[in-house]
Amino acid sequence: MQDIASFHRWVYPVNRAKRYLVLPDGCQDVLCIRHADGLVQIMSTGFDVRPRLVDLLPGTTITGYRLRPGAGVSAPAMQAIAADHDRIGEILDGQCEAWTHLDEAILALSFPGATVGAACRSIGISIRTMQRVFLGRRLPPPDYWRLLGRARRATGLLSSGEPLAEIASICGFSDQAHMTRELVRWFGHSPAQLRRQADVLERLRQPGLGNWAGEQISTR
């Protein structure tokens, strides 16, 4: 697992004023926002628990560095980035740790049909220890990763043409109605609605919880 990418870089130019739908992906992003007047703003995002809309200003270019699921960036690293934003990638390379048991736990929790107990057994720790580790890292609790991972994996199958009831079964939902409730909760759209919105499905295929990959992306 040591060759797993620590972050993915993406660029989003804003050509006109718009409201952009941000969807939960289990990742934090470090953002470098270049405004039309030349001002550069550095910020980091949190772990979203529901879809949210953000207002984007025309002439803005956002360069994001999406950290792998569960990873964070320290306050000193953010200060270093703010002082020299041209070195964001280099600073994050030095900041991001090697693959750890925490990454193994998050990966195990995102598998279809996962339970917290099974994920703990797969990496050889107790449920209480897992809960303490997540709390100590100021991360959402284990069930966040399990439920969001299941929902994101389901969206990855929506373009396959499989019946919705079959996708629900594959991903560990009790039935199709259960899957619908969870996708509306996390992404604001039912499975049928998502199938009609290729742009939203494409966003859900971006690297994140349940589909983290090694390739870099340049646009979204």
Protein backbone atom coordinates (compact mmCIF):
# COMPACT_ATOMS: atom_id res chain seq x y z
CA MET A 1 0.00 0.00 0.00
CA GLN A 2 3.00 2.32 0.25
CA ASP A 3 2.65 3.53 -3.35
CA ILE A 4 -0.86 4.89 -2.82
CA ALA A 5 -0.99 8.59 -3.75
CA SER A 6 -1.16 10.91 -0.75
CA PHE A 7 -3.07 13.61 -2.63
CA HIS A 8 -4.65 14.49 -5.97
CA ARG A 9 -4.22 17.88 -7.57
CA TRP A 10 -7.15 19.44 -9.43
CA VAL A 11 -7.83 22.81 -11.05
CA TYR A 12 -11.19 24.53 -11.46
CA PRO A 13 -11.37 27.85 -13.36
CA VAL A 14 -14.54 29.86 -12.68
CA ASN A 15 -15.67 31.58 -15.88
CA ARG A 16 -18.96 32.89 -14.55
CA ALA A 17 -20.63 33.34 -11.17
CA LYS A 18 -22.22 30.09 -10.05
CA ARG A 19 -23.36 28.03 -7.11
CA TYR A 20 -21.39 24.78 -7.00
CA LEU A 21 -22.62 21.61 -5.31
CA VAL A 22 -19.95 20.06 -3.09
CA LEU A 23 -20.53 16.38 -2.31
CA PRO A 24 -19.14 14.40 0.66
CA ASP A 25 -16.07 12.37 -0.32
CA GLY A 26 -14.30 11.59 2.97
CA CYS A 27 -11.38 13.85 2.05
CA GLN A 28 -9.96 17.17 3.10
CA ASP A 29 -8.72 19.53 0.40
CA VAL A 30 -6.09 22.24 0.66
CA LEU A 31 -7.28 25.05 -1.62
CA CYS A 32 -5.27 27.77 -3.32
CA ILE A 33 -7.81 30.33 -4.54
CA ARG A 34 -6.56 32.96 -6.97
CA HIS A 35 -9.04 35.82 -7.24
CA ALA A 36 -9.51 38.06 -10.28
CA ASP A 37 -7.71 40.93 -8.51
CA GLY A 38 -4.60 38.78 -7.98
CA LEU A 39 -5.25 38.04 -4.30
CA VAL A 40 -4.33 34.48 -3.29
CA GLN A 41 -6.25 32.77 -0.49
CA ILE A 42 -5.17 29.51 1.18
CA MET A 43 -7.68 27.40 3.09
CA SER A 44 -8.50 23.80 3.96
CA THR A 45 -11.87 22.06 3.91
CA GLY A 46 -13.45 19.78 6.48
CA PHE A 47 -15.15 16.40 6.20
CA ASP A 48 -18.60 17.03 4.72
CA VAL A 49 -21.54 15.11 6.14
CA ARG A 50 -24.11 16.37 3.62
CA PRO A 51 -24.12 18.17 0.26
CA ARG A 52 -23.53 21.90 0.37
CA LEU A 53 -23.58 24.79 -2.09
CA VAL A 54 -20.72 27.26 -2.41
CA ASP A 55 -20.80 30.56 -4.30
CA LEU A 56 -17.99 30.93 -6.84
CA LEU A 57 -16.91 34.29 -8.24
CA PRO A 58 -16.04 34.81 -11.92
CA GLY A 59 -12.35 35.14 -12.73
CA THR A 60 -11.38 32.90 -9.82
CA THR A 61 -9.13 29.88 -10.32
CA ILE A 62 -9.17 27.22 -7.60
CA THR A 63 -6.29 24.75 -7.38
CA GLY A 64 -7.04 21.99 -4.94
CA TYR A 65 -4.95 19.29 -3.33
CA ARG A 66 -7.27 16.54 -2.18
CA LEU A 67 -5.70 14.48 0.59
CA ARG A 68 -6.35 10.76 0.72
CA PRO A 69 -9.39 9.73 2.81
CA GLY A 70 -8.87 10.51 6.48
CA ALA A 71 -5.59 12.38 6.01
CA GLY A 72 -5.12 15.87 7.39
CA VAL A 73 -2.62 18.71 7.30
CA SER A 74 -1.00 20.25 10.37
CA ALA A 75 -1.21 23.91 11.37
CA PRO A 76 2.55 24.43 10.79
CA ALA A 77 2.21 22.94 7.29
CA MET A 78 -0.71 25.27 6.52
CA GLN A 79 1.38 28.20 7.72
CA ALA A 80 4.25 27.11 5.45
CA ILE A 81 1.85 26.84 2.51
CA ALA A 82 0.43 30.30 3.21
CA ALA A 83 3.97 31.70 3.27
CA ASP A 84 4.96 30.01 -0.02
CA HIS A 85 1.94 28.74 -1.94
CA ASP A 86 4.05 27.81 -4.96
CA ARG A 87 5.43 24.92 -2.87
CA ILE A 88 2.09 23.38 -1.85
CA GLY A 89 2.75 20.03 -3.49
CA GLU A 90 6.25 19.78 -2.02
CA ILE A 91 5.06 20.71 1.46
CA LEU A 92 2.20 18.21 1.34
CA ASP A 93 4.56 15.48 0.14
CA GLY A 94 6.57 16.01 3.29
CA GLN A 95 3.49 16.33 5.47
CA CYS A 96 1.52 13.24 4.45
CA GLU A 97 2.46 10.13 6.37
CA ALA A 98 3.08 6.68 4.94
CA TRP A 99 0.15 4.24 4.78
CA THR A 100 -0.86 3.32 8.34
CA HIS A 101 -3.36 1.21 10.28
CA LEU A 102 -5.68 4.22 10.19
CA ASP A 103 -5.73 4.06 6.39
CA GLU A 104 -6.33 0.30 6.60
CA ALA A 105 -9.25 0.90 8.95
CA ILE A 106 -10.85 3.52 6.69
CA LEU A 107 -10.41 1.26 3.67
CA ALA A 108 -11.92 -1.71 5.49
CA LEU A 109 -14.88 0.37 6.66
CA SER A 110 -15.64 1.49 3.10
CA PHE A 111 -15.97 -2.04 1.69
CA PRO A 112 -19.47 -3.27 0.74
CA GLY A 113 -21.20 -4.96 3.66
CA ALA A 114 -18.57 -3.73 6.12
CA THR A 115 -19.27 -3.54 9.82
CA VAL A 116 -17.18 -1.75 12.42
CA GLY A 117 -16.50 -5.06 14.15
CA ALA A 118 -15.37 -6.80 10.96
CA ALA A 119 -13.15 -3.87 10.02
CA CYS A 120 -11.51 -4.00 13.44
CA ARG A 121 -10.90 -7.73 13.19
CA SER A 122 -9.37 -7.33 9.72
CA ILE A 123 -6.64 -5.05 11.07
CA GLY A 124 -6.34 -6.64 14.50
CA ILE A 125 -7.64 -3.93 16.84
CA SER A 126 -10.64 -3.61 19.14
CA ILE A 127 -13.66 -1.43 18.44
CA ARG A 128 -12.77 0.75 21.43
CA THR A 129 -9.23 1.23 20.11
CA MET A 130 -10.54 2.19 16.67
CA GLN A 131 -12.92 4.71 18.21
CA ARG A 132 -10.08 6.22 20.28
CA VAL A 133 -7.81 6.49 17.23
CA PHE A 134 -10.46 8.29 15.19
CA LEU A 135 -11.30 10.61 18.09
CA GLY A 136 -7.63 11.31 18.73
CA ARG A 137 -7.12 12.31 15.09
CA ARG A 138 -10.25 14.50 15.22
CA LEU A 139 -11.84 12.40 12.51
CA PRO A 140 -15.52 11.55 12.08
CA PRO A 141 -16.48 8.30 13.86
CA PRO A 142 -16.12 4.87 12.21
CA ASP A 143 -19.76 4.77 11.07
CA TYR A 144 -19.20 7.91 8.98
CA TRP A 145 -16.67 6.05 6.83
CA ARG A 146 -18.80 2.92 6.65
CA LEU A 147 -22.00 4.69 5.59
CA LEU A 148 -20.39 7.21 3.23
CA GLY A 149 -18.20 4.52 1.66
CA ARG A 150 -21.24 2.34 0.99
CA ALA A 151 -23.14 5.25 -0.57
CA ARG A 152 -20.22 6.29 -2.79
CA ARG A 153 -19.66 2.73 -3.98
CA ALA A 154 -23.33 2.53 -4.94
CA THR A 155 -23.07 5.68 -7.05
CA GLY A 156 -20.13 4.12 -8.87
CA LEU A 157 -22.44 1.37 -10.12
CA LEU A 158 -25.31 3.59 -11.25
CA SER A 159 -23.92 4.03 -14.77
CA SER A 160 -23.61 0.25 -15.20
CA GLY A 161 -27.25 -0.28 -16.11
CA GLU A 162 -27.72 -2.79 -13.27
CA PRO A 163 -31.20 -2.73 -11.68
CA LEU A 164 -31.29 -0.50 -8.62
CA ALA A 165 -32.39 -3.39 -6.41
CA GLU A 166 -29.31 -5.35 -7.51
CA ILE A 167 -26.98 -2.43 -6.79
CA ALA A 168 -28.56 -2.07 -3.35
CA SER A 169 -27.90 -5.76 -2.64
CA ILE A 170 -24.31 -5.64 -3.92
CA CYS A 171 -23.49 -2.64 -1.74
CA GLY A 172 -25.01 -4.02 1.43
CA PHE A 173 -28.22 -1.99 1.73
CA SER A 174 -31.24 -3.77 3.18
CA ASP A 175 -33.28 -2.95 0.06
CA GLN A 176 -33.65 -0.39 -2.74
CA ALA A 177 -35.63 2.01 -0.56
CA HIS A 178 -32.84 1.99 2.02
CA MET A 179 -30.29 2.84 -0.67
CA THR A 180 -32.48 5.68 -1.94
CA ARG A 181 -32.75 7.22 1.53
CA GLU A 182 -29.00 7.04 2.04
CA LEU A 183 -28.09 8.55 -1.34
CA VAL A 184 -30.54 11.41 -0.78
CA ARG A 185 -29.02 11.93 2.67
CA TRP A 186 -25.42 12.05 1.45
CA PHE A 187 -25.76 13.52 -2.04
CA GLY A 188 -29.15 15.20 -2.19
CA HIS A 189 -30.39 13.03 -5.07
CA SER A 190 -32.11 9.68 -5.43
CA PRO A 191 -30.44 6.93 -7.50
CA ALA A 192 -32.87 7.57 -10.37
CA GLN A 193 -32.08 11.29 -10.31
CA LEU A 194 -28.34 10.63 -10.26
CA ARG A 195 -28.64 8.41 -13.32
CA ARG A 196 -30.08 11.37 -15.19
CA GLN A 197 -27.34 13.76 -14.04
CA ALA A 198 -24.10 12.74 -15.70
CA ASP A 199 -22.21 15.75 -14.32
CA VAL A 200 -23.02 14.84 -10.71
CA LEU A 201 -22.12 11.18 -11.28
CA GLU A 202 -18.83 12.27 -12.83
CA ARG A 203 -18.06 14.29 -9.71
CA LEU A 204 -18.77 11.23 -7.58
CA ARG A 205 -16.24 9.28 -9.65
CA GLN A 206 -13.48 11.69 -8.64
CA PRO A 207 -10.92 10.10 -6.27
CA GLY A 208 -12.29 9.88 -2.76
CA LEU A 209 -13.52 7.40 -0.19
CA GLY A 210 -14.24 4.05 -1.85
CA ASN A 211 -12.43 4.82 -5.13
CA TRP A 212 -9.07 6.35 -4.23
CA ALA A 213 -6.58 5.69 -7.03
CA GLY A 214 -3.01 6.50 -7.93
CA GLU A 215 -3.55 8.69 -10.97
CA GLN A 216 -3.53 12.46 -10.67
CA ILE A 217 -6.39 14.52 -12.10
CA SER A 218 -6.16 18.05 -13.42
CA THR A 219 -9.79 19.14 -13.76
CA ARG A 220 -13.17 18.38 -12.29
